[in-house]
Amino acid sequence: MGLVCRVVEEAGISTVCLSTGRDLTEQVKPPRSLFMNFPMGNNFGAPADVEMQTRILRRSLQMVEEVETGGVLVDWEETWPKEFEYFTGRRKSAS
């Protein structure tokens, strides 16, 4: 998605990439990124959590106004309400 953001920016349209993969976002360096330490696919927060979704949208739009230097990555300050674990691609060994 970050590469798409860069192409869209080159066309003169401001973008903000909402990311749940910080390491990849750091490598691609979209023009503006907001990293959420949330499970993949939940970039705007939990389903039906309209209040959090609204806060995320407002922060994203605020970044369009604030960020003037490309490649800026901001960490979202709120945490996911439940504990979760990313699948690393490796199975845990049965001990």
PDB file of N, CA and C in Angstrom:
ATOM      1  N   MET A   1       0.814  -1.191   0.000  1.00  0.00           N
ATOM      2  CA  MET A   1       0.000   0.000   0.000  1.00  0.00           C
ATOM      3  C   MET A   1       0.858   1.255   0.000  1.00  0.00           C
ATOM      4  N   GLY A   2       1.986   1.194   0.680  1.00  0.00           N
ATOM      5  CA  GLY A   2       2.860   2.353   0.754  1.00  0.00           C
ATOM      6  C   GLY A   2       3.356   2.810  -0.602  1.00  0.00           C
ATOM      7  N   LEU A   3       3.632   1.853  -1.492  1.00  0.00           N
ATOM      8  CA  LEU A   3       4.078   2.211  -2.832  1.00  0.00           C
ATOM      9  C   LEU A   3       2.961   2.904  -3.609  1.00  0.00           C
ATOM     10  N   VAL A   4       1.730   2.454  -3.409  1.00  0.00           N
ATOM     11  CA  VAL A   4       0.580   3.091  -4.052  1.00  0.00           C
ATOM     12  C   VAL A   4       0.442   4.521  -3.541  1.00  0.00           C
ATOM     13  N   CYS A   5       0.620   4.714  -2.245  1.00  0.00           N
ATOM     14  CA  CYS A   5       0.533   6.063  -1.666  1.00  0.00           C
ATOM     15  C   CYS A   5       1.551   6.993  -2.324  1.00  0.00           C
ATOM     16  N   ARG A   6       2.750   6.500  -2.540  1.00  0.00           N
ATOM     17  CA  ARG A   6       3.785   7.335  -3.161  1.00  0.00           C
ATOM     18  C   ARG A   6       3.394   7.751  -4.574  1.00  0.00           C
ATOM     19  N   VAL A   7       2.836   6.830  -5.359  1.00  0.00           N
ATOM     20  CA  VAL A   7       2.417   7.149  -6.729  1.00  0.00           C
ATOM     21  C   VAL A   7       1.272   8.157  -6.714  1.00  0.00           C
ATOM     22  N   VAL A   8       0.308   7.971  -5.822  1.00  0.00           N
ATOM     23  CA  VAL A   8      -0.829   8.896  -5.720  1.00  0.00           C
ATOM     24  C   VAL A   8      -0.340  10.277  -5.312  1.00  0.00           C
ATOM     25  N   GLU A   9       0.602  10.346  -4.385  1.00  0.00           N
ATOM     26  CA  GLU A   9       1.179  11.632  -3.970  1.00  0.00           C
ATOM     27  C   GLU A   9       1.854  12.333  -5.153  1.00  0.00           C
ATOM     28  N   GLU A  10       2.557  11.565  -5.977  1.00  0.00           N
ATOM     29  CA  GLU A  10       3.219  12.149  -7.144  1.00  0.00           C
ATOM     30  C   GLU A  10       2.213  12.771  -8.106  1.00  0.00           C
ATOM     31  N   ALA A  11       0.985  12.279  -8.070  1.00  0.00           N
ATOM     32  CA  ALA A  11      -0.085  12.835  -8.904  1.00  0.00           C
ATOM     33  C   ALA A  11      -0.723  14.063  -8.254  1.00  0.00           C
ATOM     34  N   GLY A  12      -0.256  14.434  -7.053  1.00  0.00           N
ATOM     35  CA  GLY A  12      -0.753  15.635  -6.393  1.00  0.00           C
ATOM     36  C   GLY A  12      -1.867  15.412  -5.394  1.00  0.00           C
ATOM     37  N   ILE A  13      -2.131  14.163  -5.029  1.00  0.00           N
ATOM     38  CA  ILE A  13      -3.192  13.853  -4.066  1.00  0.00           C
ATOM     39  C   ILE A  13      -2.540  13.394  -2.758  1.00  0.00           C
ATOM     40  N   SER A  14      -2.878  14.058  -1.666  1.00  0.00           N
ATOM     41  CA  SER A  14      -2.310  13.715  -0.359  1.00  0.00           C
ATOM     42  C   SER A  14      -2.828  12.373   0.129  1.00  0.00           C
ATOM     43  N   THR A  15      -1.946  11.603   0.763  1.00  0.00           N
ATOM     44  CA  THR A  15      -2.319  10.293   1.293  1.00  0.00           C
ATOM     45  C   THR A  15      -1.796  10.110   2.708  1.00  0.00           C
ATOM     46  N   VAL A  16      -2.429   9.202   3.433  1.00  0.00           N
ATOM     47  CA  VAL A  16      -1.941   8.723   4.724  1.00  0.00           C
ATOM     48  C   VAL A  16      -2.111   7.210   4.699  1.00  0.00           C
ATOM     49  N   CYS A  17      -1.042   6.495   4.938  1.00  0.00           N
ATOM     50  CA  CYS A  17      -1.074   5.043   4.964  1.00  0.00           C
ATOM     51  C   CYS A  17      -1.340   4.592   6.402  1.00  0.00           C
ATOM     52  N   LEU A  18      -2.411   3.847   6.624  1.00  0.00           N
ATOM     53  CA  LEU A  18      -2.701   3.285   7.935  1.00  0.00           C
ATOM     54  C   LEU A  18      -2.120   1.884   7.969  1.00  0.00           C
ATOM     55  N   SER A  19      -1.149   1.668   8.832  1.00  0.00           N
ATOM     56  CA  SER A  19      -0.349   0.453   8.778  1.00  0.00           C
ATOM     57  C   SER A  19      -0.445  -0.372  10.048  1.00  0.00           C
ATOM     58  N   THR A  20      -0.490  -1.697   9.865  1.00  0.00           N
ATOM     59  CA  THR A  20      -0.356  -2.611  10.999  1.00  0.00           C
ATOM     60  C   THR A  20       0.945  -3.396  10.888  1.00  0.00           C
ATOM     61  N   GLY A  21       1.790  -3.014   9.934  1.00  0.00           N
ATOM     62  CA  GLY A  21       3.084  -3.661   9.746  1.00  0.00           C
ATOM     63  C   GLY A  21       4.191  -2.621   9.770  1.00  0.00           C
ATOM     64  N   ARG A  22       4.684  -2.315  10.961  1.00  0.00           N
ATOM     65  CA  ARG A  22       5.647  -1.217  11.111  1.00  0.00           C
ATOM     66  C   ARG A  22       6.938  -1.466  10.338  1.00  0.00           C
ATOM     67  N   ASP A  23       7.448  -2.670  10.386  1.00  0.00           N
ATOM     68  CA  ASP A  23       8.731  -2.956   9.729  1.00  0.00           C
ATOM     69  C   ASP A  23       8.654  -2.728   8.221  1.00  0.00           C
ATOM     70  N   LEU A  24       7.585  -3.176   7.595  1.00  0.00           N
ATOM     71  CA  LEU A  24       7.425  -2.967   6.152  1.00  0.00           C
ATOM     72  C   LEU A  24       7.207  -1.499   5.819  1.00  0.00           C
ATOM     73  N   THR A  25       6.451  -0.818   6.652  1.00  0.00           N
ATOM     74  CA  THR A  25       6.185   0.599   6.414  1.00  0.00           C
ATOM     75  C   THR A  25       7.478   1.403   6.518  1.00  0.00           C
ATOM     76  N   GLU A  26       8.346   1.055   7.465  1.00  0.00           N
ATOM     77  CA  GLU A  26       9.639   1.736   7.580  1.00  0.00           C
ATOM     78  C   GLU A  26      10.480   1.543   6.324  1.00  0.00           C
ATOM     79  N   GLN A  27      10.392   0.376   5.714  1.00  0.00           N
ATOM     80  CA  GLN A  27      11.179   0.097   4.514  1.00  0.00           C
ATOM     81  C   GLN A  27      10.647   0.817   3.279  1.00  0.00           C
ATOM     82  N   VAL A  28       9.320   0.854   3.126  1.00  0.00           N
ATOM     83  CA  VAL A  28       8.705   1.436   1.931  1.00  0.00           C
ATOM     84  C   VAL A  28       8.679   2.962   1.999  1.00  0.00           C
ATOM     85  N   LYS A  29       8.539   3.510   3.200  1.00  0.00           N
ATOM     86  CA  LYS A  29       8.506   4.953   3.434  1.00  0.00           C
ATOM     87  C   LYS A  29       7.419   5.690   2.634  1.00  0.00           C
ATOM     88  N   PRO A  30       6.154   5.372   2.897  1.00  0.00           N
ATOM     89  CA  PRO A  30       5.088   6.163   2.275  1.00  0.00           C
ATOM     90  C   PRO A  30       5.216   7.625   2.731  1.00  0.00           C
ATOM     91  N   PRO A  31       4.588   8.552   2.042  1.00  0.00           N
ATOM     92  CA  PRO A  31       4.695   9.964   2.420  1.00  0.00           C
ATOM     93  C   PRO A  31       4.288  10.248   3.871  1.00  0.00           C
ATOM     94  N   ARG A  32       3.198   9.654   4.317  1.00  0.00           N
ATOM     95  CA  ARG A  32       2.715   9.799   5.695  1.00  0.00           C
ATOM     96  C   ARG A  32       2.156   8.463   6.119  1.00  0.00           C
ATOM     97  N   SER A  33       2.529   8.014   7.312  1.00  0.00           N
ATOM     98  CA  SER A  33       2.011   6.731   7.796  1.00  0.00           C
ATOM     99  C   SER A  33       1.617   6.849   9.259  1.00  0.00           C
ATOM    100  N   LEU A  34       0.524   6.189   9.586  1.00  0.00           N
ATOM    101  CA  LEU A  34       0.067   6.073  10.966  1.00  0.00           C
ATOM    102  C   LEU A  34       0.077   4.585  11.290  1.00  0.00           C
ATOM    103  N   PHE A  35       0.958   4.197  12.216  1.00  0.00           N
ATOM    104  CA  PHE A  35       1.090   2.785  12.577  1.00  0.00           C
ATOM    105  C   PHE A  35       0.210   2.468  13.764  1.00  0.00           C
ATOM    106  N   MET A  36      -0.618   1.429  13.601  1.00  0.00           N
ATOM    107  CA  MET A  36      -1.442   0.938  14.694  1.00  0.00           C
ATOM    108  C   MET A  36      -0.951  -0.451  15.059  1.00  0.00           C
ATOM    109  N   ASN A  37      -0.653  -0.663  16.308  1.00  0.00           N
ATOM    110  CA  ASN A  37      -0.226  -1.986  16.768  1.00  0.00           C
ATOM    111  C   ASN A  37      -1.485  -2.819  17.032  1.00  0.00           C
ATOM    112  N   PHE A  38      -2.187  -3.085  15.941  1.00  0.00           N
ATOM    113  CA  PHE A  38      -3.452  -3.805  15.961  1.00  0.00           C
ATOM    114  C   PHE A  38      -3.302  -5.061  15.107  1.00  0.00           C
ATOM    115  N   PRO A  39      -4.205  -6.038  15.295  1.00  0.00           N
ATOM    116  CA  PRO A  39      -4.186  -7.205  14.402  1.00  0.00           C
ATOM    117  C   PRO A  39      -4.405  -6.766  12.950  1.00  0.00           C
ATOM    118  N   MET A  40      -3.748  -7.465  12.029  1.00  0.00           N
ATOM    119  CA  MET A  40      -3.885  -7.117  10.612  1.00  0.00           C
ATOM    120  C   MET A  40      -5.359  -7.090  10.204  1.00  0.00           C
ATOM    121  N   GLY A  41      -5.685  -6.123   9.362  1.00  0.00           N
ATOM    122  CA  GLY A  41      -7.053  -5.981   8.881  1.00  0.00           C
ATOM    123  C   GLY A  41      -7.916  -5.113   9.765  1.00  0.00           C
ATOM    124  N   ASN A  42      -7.349  -4.609  10.850  1.00  0.00           N
ATOM    125  CA  ASN A  42      -8.107  -3.770  11.787  1.00  0.00           C
ATOM    126  C   ASN A  42      -7.480  -2.390  11.892  1.00  0.00           C
ATOM    127  N   ASN A  43      -7.088  -1.822  10.769  1.00  0.00           N
ATOM    128  CA  ASN A  43      -6.386  -0.546  10.754  1.00  0.00           C
ATOM    129  C   ASN A  43      -7.189   0.587  11.377  1.00  0.00           C
ATOM    130  N   PHE A  44      -8.496   0.509  11.314  1.00  0.00           N
ATOM    131  CA  PHE A  44      -9.337   1.549  11.914  1.00  0.00           C
ATOM    132  C   PHE A  44      -9.897   1.142  13.269  1.00  0.00           C
ATOM    133  N   GLY A  45      -9.350   0.085  13.864  1.00  0.00           N
ATOM    134  CA  GLY A  45      -9.817  -0.348  15.170  1.00  0.00           C
ATOM    135  C   GLY A  45     -10.786  -1.511  15.069  1.00  0.00           C
ATOM    136  N   ALA A  46     -11.334  -1.853  16.207  1.00  0.00           N
ATOM    137  CA  ALA A  46     -12.233  -2.999  16.295  1.00  0.00           C
ATOM    138  C   ALA A  46     -13.549  -2.731  15.561  1.00  0.00           C
ATOM    139  N   PRO A  47     -14.160  -3.779  15.013  1.00  0.00           N
ATOM    140  CA  PRO A  47     -15.459  -3.613  14.363  1.00  0.00           C
ATOM    141  C   PRO A  47     -16.475  -2.998  15.327  1.00  0.00           C
ATOM    142  N   ALA A  48     -17.242  -2.068  14.819  1.00  0.00           N
ATOM    143  CA  ALA A  48     -18.315  -1.386  15.552  1.00  0.00           C
ATOM    144  C   ALA A  48     -17.818  -0.418  16.616  1.00  0.00           C
ATOM    145  N   ASP A  49     -16.510  -0.193  16.725  1.00  0.00           N
ATOM    146  CA  ASP A  49     -15.984   0.796  17.680  1.00  0.00           C
ATOM    147  C   ASP A  49     -15.894   2.145  16.971  1.00  0.00           C
ATOM    148  N   VAL A  50     -17.040   2.755  16.783  1.00  0.00           N
ATOM    149  CA  VAL A  50     -17.151   3.982  16.003  1.00  0.00           C
ATOM    150  C   VAL A  50     -16.323   5.113  16.611  1.00  0.00           C
ATOM    151  N   GLU A  51     -16.259   5.175  17.928  1.00  0.00           N
ATOM    152  CA  GLU A  51     -15.495   6.249  18.570  1.00  0.00           C
ATOM    153  C   GLU A  51     -14.009   6.149  18.231  1.00  0.00           C
ATOM    154  N   MET A  52     -13.428   4.946  18.329  1.00  0.00           N
ATOM    155  CA  MET A  52     -12.012   4.794  17.987  1.00  0.00           C
ATOM    156  C   MET A  52     -11.803   5.033  16.497  1.00  0.00           C
ATOM    157  N   GLN A  53     -12.686   4.518  15.670  1.00  0.00           N
ATOM    158  CA  GLN A  53     -12.555   4.691  14.230  1.00  0.00           C
ATOM    159  C   GLN A  53     -12.565   6.175  13.854  1.00  0.00           C
ATOM    160  N   THR A  54     -13.397   6.931  14.529  1.00  0.00           N
ATOM    161  CA  THR A  54     -13.470   8.371  14.282  1.00  0.00           C
ATOM    162  C   THR A  54     -12.177   9.059  14.713  1.00  0.00           C
ATOM    163  N   ARG A  55     -11.616   8.671  15.865  1.00  0.00           N
ATOM    164  CA  ARG A  55     -10.348   9.253  16.333  1.00  0.00           C
ATOM    165  C   ARG A  55      -9.218   8.958  15.340  1.00  0.00           C
ATOM    166  N   ILE A  56      -9.184   7.734  14.832  1.00  0.00           N
ATOM    167  CA  ILE A  56      -8.146   7.355  13.871  1.00  0.00           C
ATOM    168  C   ILE A  56      -8.308   8.162  12.582  1.00  0.00           C
ATOM    169  N   LEU A  57      -9.521   8.284  12.090  1.00  0.00           N
ATOM    170  CA  LEU A  57      -9.762   9.060  10.875  1.00  0.00           C
ATOM    171  C   LEU A  57      -9.355  10.518  11.077  1.00  0.00           C
ATOM    172  N   ARG A  58      -9.722  11.098  12.196  1.00  0.00           N
ATOM    173  CA  ARG A  58      -9.367  12.497  12.462  1.00  0.00           C
ATOM    174  C   ARG A  58      -7.850  12.691  12.546  1.00  0.00           C
ATOM    175  N   ARG A  59      -7.169  11.750  13.201  1.00  0.00           N
ATOM    176  CA  ARG A  59      -5.703  11.845  13.303  1.00  0.00           C
ATOM    177  C   ARG A  59      -5.063  11.725  11.928  1.00  0.00           C
ATOM    178  N   SER A  60      -5.592  10.848  11.105  1.00  0.00           N
ATOM    179  CA  SER A  60      -5.072  10.683   9.744  1.00  0.00           C
ATOM    180  C   SER A  60      -5.228  11.967   8.936  1.00  0.00           C
ATOM    181  N   LEU A  61      -6.389  12.563   9.001  1.00  0.00           N
ATOM    182  CA  LEU A  61      -6.628  13.814   8.278  1.00  0.00           C
ATOM    183  C   LEU A  61      -5.762  14.937   8.815  1.00  0.00           C
ATOM    184  N   GLN A  62      -5.535  14.945  10.119  1.00  0.00           N
ATOM    185  CA  GLN A  62      -4.664  15.943  10.733  1.00  0.00           C
ATOM    186  C   GLN A  62      -3.236  15.814  10.185  1.00  0.00           C
ATOM    187  N   MET A  63      -2.805  14.587   9.945  1.00  0.00           N
ATOM    188  CA  MET A  63      -1.458  14.365   9.408  1.00  0.00           C
ATOM    189  C   MET A  63      -1.288  14.985   8.021  1.00  0.00           C
ATOM    190  N   VAL A  64      -2.355  15.020   7.230  1.00  0.00           N
ATOM    191  CA  VAL A  64      -2.275  15.640   5.901  1.00  0.00           C
ATOM    192  C   VAL A  64      -1.905  17.110   6.055  1.00  0.00           C
ATOM    193  N   GLU A  65      -2.455  17.752   7.057  1.00  0.00           N
ATOM    194  CA  GLU A  65      -2.170  19.167   7.310  1.00  0.00           C
ATOM    195  C   GLU A  65      -0.789  19.375   7.934  1.00  0.00           C
ATOM    196  N   GLU A  66      -0.379  18.500   8.840  1.00  0.00           N
ATOM    197  CA  GLU A  66       0.843  18.695   9.630  1.00  0.00           C
ATOM    198  C   GLU A  66       2.132  18.245   8.945  1.00  0.00           C
ATOM    199  N   VAL A  67       2.104  17.110   8.300  1.00  0.00           N
ATOM    200  CA  VAL A  67       3.331  16.474   7.811  1.00  0.00           C
ATOM    201  C   VAL A  67       3.750  17.077   6.478  1.00  0.00           C
ATOM    202  N   GLU A  68       4.939  17.661   6.471  1.00  0.00           N
ATOM    203  CA  GLU A  68       5.454  18.281   5.253  1.00  0.00           C
ATOM    204  C   GLU A  68       6.622  17.507   4.670  1.00  0.00           C
ATOM    205  N   THR A  69       7.273  16.660   5.477  1.00  0.00           N
ATOM    206  CA  THR A  69       8.420  15.879   5.041  1.00  0.00           C
ATOM    207  C   THR A  69       7.981  14.461   4.738  1.00  0.00           C
ATOM    208  N   GLY A  70       8.379  13.924   3.598  1.00  0.00           N
ATOM    209  CA  GLY A  70       8.005  12.567   3.219  1.00  0.00           C
ATOM    210  C   GLY A  70       8.632  11.513   4.116  1.00  0.00           C
ATOM    211  N   GLY A  71       7.959  10.381   4.239  1.00  0.00           N
ATOM    212  CA  GLY A  71       8.485   9.257   5.003  1.00  0.00           C
ATOM    213  C   GLY A  71       8.209   9.304   6.494  1.00  0.00           C
ATOM    214  N   VAL A  72       7.317  10.183   6.931  1.00  0.00           N
ATOM    215  CA  VAL A  72       7.020  10.312   8.360  1.00  0.00           C
ATOM    216  C   VAL A  72       6.139   9.148   8.813  1.00  0.00           C
ATOM    217  N   LEU A  73       6.552   8.516   9.913  1.00  0.00           N
ATOM    218  CA  LEU A  73       5.816   7.386  10.495  1.00  0.00           C
ATOM    219  C   LEU A  73       5.472   7.735  11.943  1.00  0.00           C
ATOM    220  N   VAL A  74       4.178   7.814  12.232  1.00  0.00           N
ATOM    221  CA  VAL A  74       3.689   8.168  13.568  1.00  0.00           C
ATOM    222  C   VAL A  74       3.060   6.934  14.190  1.00  0.00           C
ATOM    223  N   ASP A  75       3.352   6.690  15.455  1.00  0.00           N
ATOM    224  CA  ASP A  75       2.744   5.570  16.178  1.00  0.00           C
ATOM    225  C   ASP A  75       1.432   6.015  16.810  1.00  0.00           C
ATOM    226  N   TRP A  76       0.375   5.241  16.568  1.00  0.00           N
ATOM    227  CA  TRP A  76      -0.922   5.495  17.208  1.00  0.00           C
ATOM    228  C   TRP A  76      -0.764   5.204  18.686  1.00  0.00           C
ATOM    229  N   GLU A  77      -1.250   6.070  19.521  1.00  0.00           N
ATOM    230  CA  GLU A  77      -0.999   5.977  20.961  1.00  0.00           C
ATOM    231  C   GLU A  77      -1.890   4.978  21.700  1.00  0.00           C
ATOM    232  N   GLU A  78      -2.974   4.561  21.108  1.00  0.00           N
ATOM    233  CA  GLU A  78      -3.886   3.636  21.792  1.00  0.00           C
ATOM    234  C   GLU A  78      -3.511   2.185  21.497  1.00  0.00           C
ATOM    235  N   THR A  79      -3.823   1.308  22.431  1.00  0.00           N
ATOM    236  CA  THR A  79      -3.521  -0.107  22.248  1.00  0.00           C
ATOM    237  C   THR A  79      -4.800  -0.880  21.922  1.00  0.00           C
ATOM    238  N   TRP A  80      -4.592  -2.063  21.350  1.00  0.00           N
ATOM    239  CA  TRP A  80      -5.722  -2.943  21.048  1.00  0.00           C
ATOM    240  C   TRP A  80      -6.337  -3.384  22.365  1.00  0.00           C
ATOM    241  N   PRO A  81      -7.671  -3.412  22.486  1.00  0.00           N
ATOM    242  CA  PRO A  81      -8.307  -3.703  23.772  1.00  0.00           C
ATOM    243  C   PRO A  81      -8.089  -5.119  24.313  1.00  0.00           C
ATOM    244  N   LYS A  82      -7.712  -6.071  23.447  1.00  0.00           N
ATOM    245  CA  LYS A  82      -7.484  -7.447  23.895  1.00  0.00           C
ATOM    246  C   LYS A  82      -6.091  -7.862  23.479  1.00  0.00           C
ATOM    247  N   GLU A  83      -5.518  -8.819  24.198  1.00  0.00           N
ATOM    248  CA  GLU A  83      -4.200  -9.315  23.837  1.00  0.00           C
ATOM    249  C   GLU A  83      -4.290 -10.121  22.544  1.00  0.00           C
ATOM    250  N   PHE A  84      -3.310  -9.956  21.674  1.00  0.00           N
ATOM    251  CA  PHE A  84      -3.273 -10.710  20.427  1.00  0.00           C
ATOM    252  C   PHE A  84      -1.822 -11.045  20.111  1.00  0.00           C
ATOM    253  N   GLU A  85      -1.648 -11.993  19.221  1.00  0.00           N
ATOM    254  CA  GLU A  85      -0.305 -12.421  18.844  1.00  0.00           C
ATOM    255  C   GLU A  85      -0.241 -12.538  17.330  1.00  0.00           C
ATOM    256  N   TYR A  86       0.796 -11.958  16.736  1.00  0.00           N
ATOM    257  CA  TYR A  86       0.994 -12.078  15.302  1.00  0.00           C
ATOM    258  C   TYR A  86       1.505 -13.462  14.963  1.00  0.00           C
ATOM    259  N   PHE A  87       1.056 -13.988  13.843  1.00  0.00           N
ATOM    260  CA  PHE A  87       1.599 -15.253  13.350  1.00  0.00           C
ATOM    261  C   PHE A  87       2.878 -14.918  12.602  1.00  0.00           C
ATOM    262  N   THR A  88       3.985 -15.471  13.048  1.00  0.00           N
ATOM    263  CA  THR A  88       5.299 -15.159  12.490  1.00  0.00           C
ATOM    264  C   THR A  88       5.637 -15.992  11.284  1.00  0.00           C
ATOM    265  N   GLY A  89       4.813 -16.979  10.968  1.00  0.00           N
ATOM    266  CA  GLY A  89       5.103 -17.875   9.866  1.00  0.00           C
ATOM    267  C   GLY A  89       5.783 -19.147  10.346  1.00  0.00           C
ATOM    268  N   ARG A  90       6.058 -19.189  11.630  1.00  0.00           N
ATOM    269  CA  ARG A  90       6.691 -20.386  12.222  1.00  0.00           C
ATOM    270  C   ARG A  90       5.730 -20.992  13.225  1.00  0.00           C
ATOM    271  N   ARG A  91       5.608 -22.262  13.156  1.00  0.00           N
ATOM    272  CA  ARG A  91       4.773 -22.977  14.109  1.00  0.00           C
ATOM    273  C   ARG A  91       5.543 -23.152  15.414  1.00  0.00           C
ATOM    274  N   LYS A  92       4.836 -23.040  16.523  1.00  0.00           N
ATOM    275  CA  LYS A  92       5.454 -23.293  17.826  1.00  0.00           C
ATOM    276  C   LYS A  92       5.677 -24.786  17.973  1.00  0.00           C
ATOM    277  N   SER A  93       6.837 -25.122  18.485  1.00  0.00           N
ATOM    278  CA  SER A  93       7.116 -26.545  18.675  1.00  0.00           C
ATOM    279  C   SER A  93       6.359 -27.076  19.885  1.00  0.00           C
ATOM    280  N   ALA A  94       5.886 -28.286  19.776  1.00  0.00           N
ATOM    281  CA  ALA A  94       5.162 -28.915  20.888  1.00  0.00           C
ATOM    282  C   ALA A  94       6.190 -29.381  21.910  1.00  0.00           C
ATOM    283  N   SER A  95       6.167 -28.757  23.071  1.00  0.00           N
ATOM    284  CA  SER A  95       7.145 -29.126  24.109  1.00  0.00           C
ATOM    285  C   SER A  95       6.477 -29.830  25.244  1.00  0.00           C
TER     286      SER A  95
END
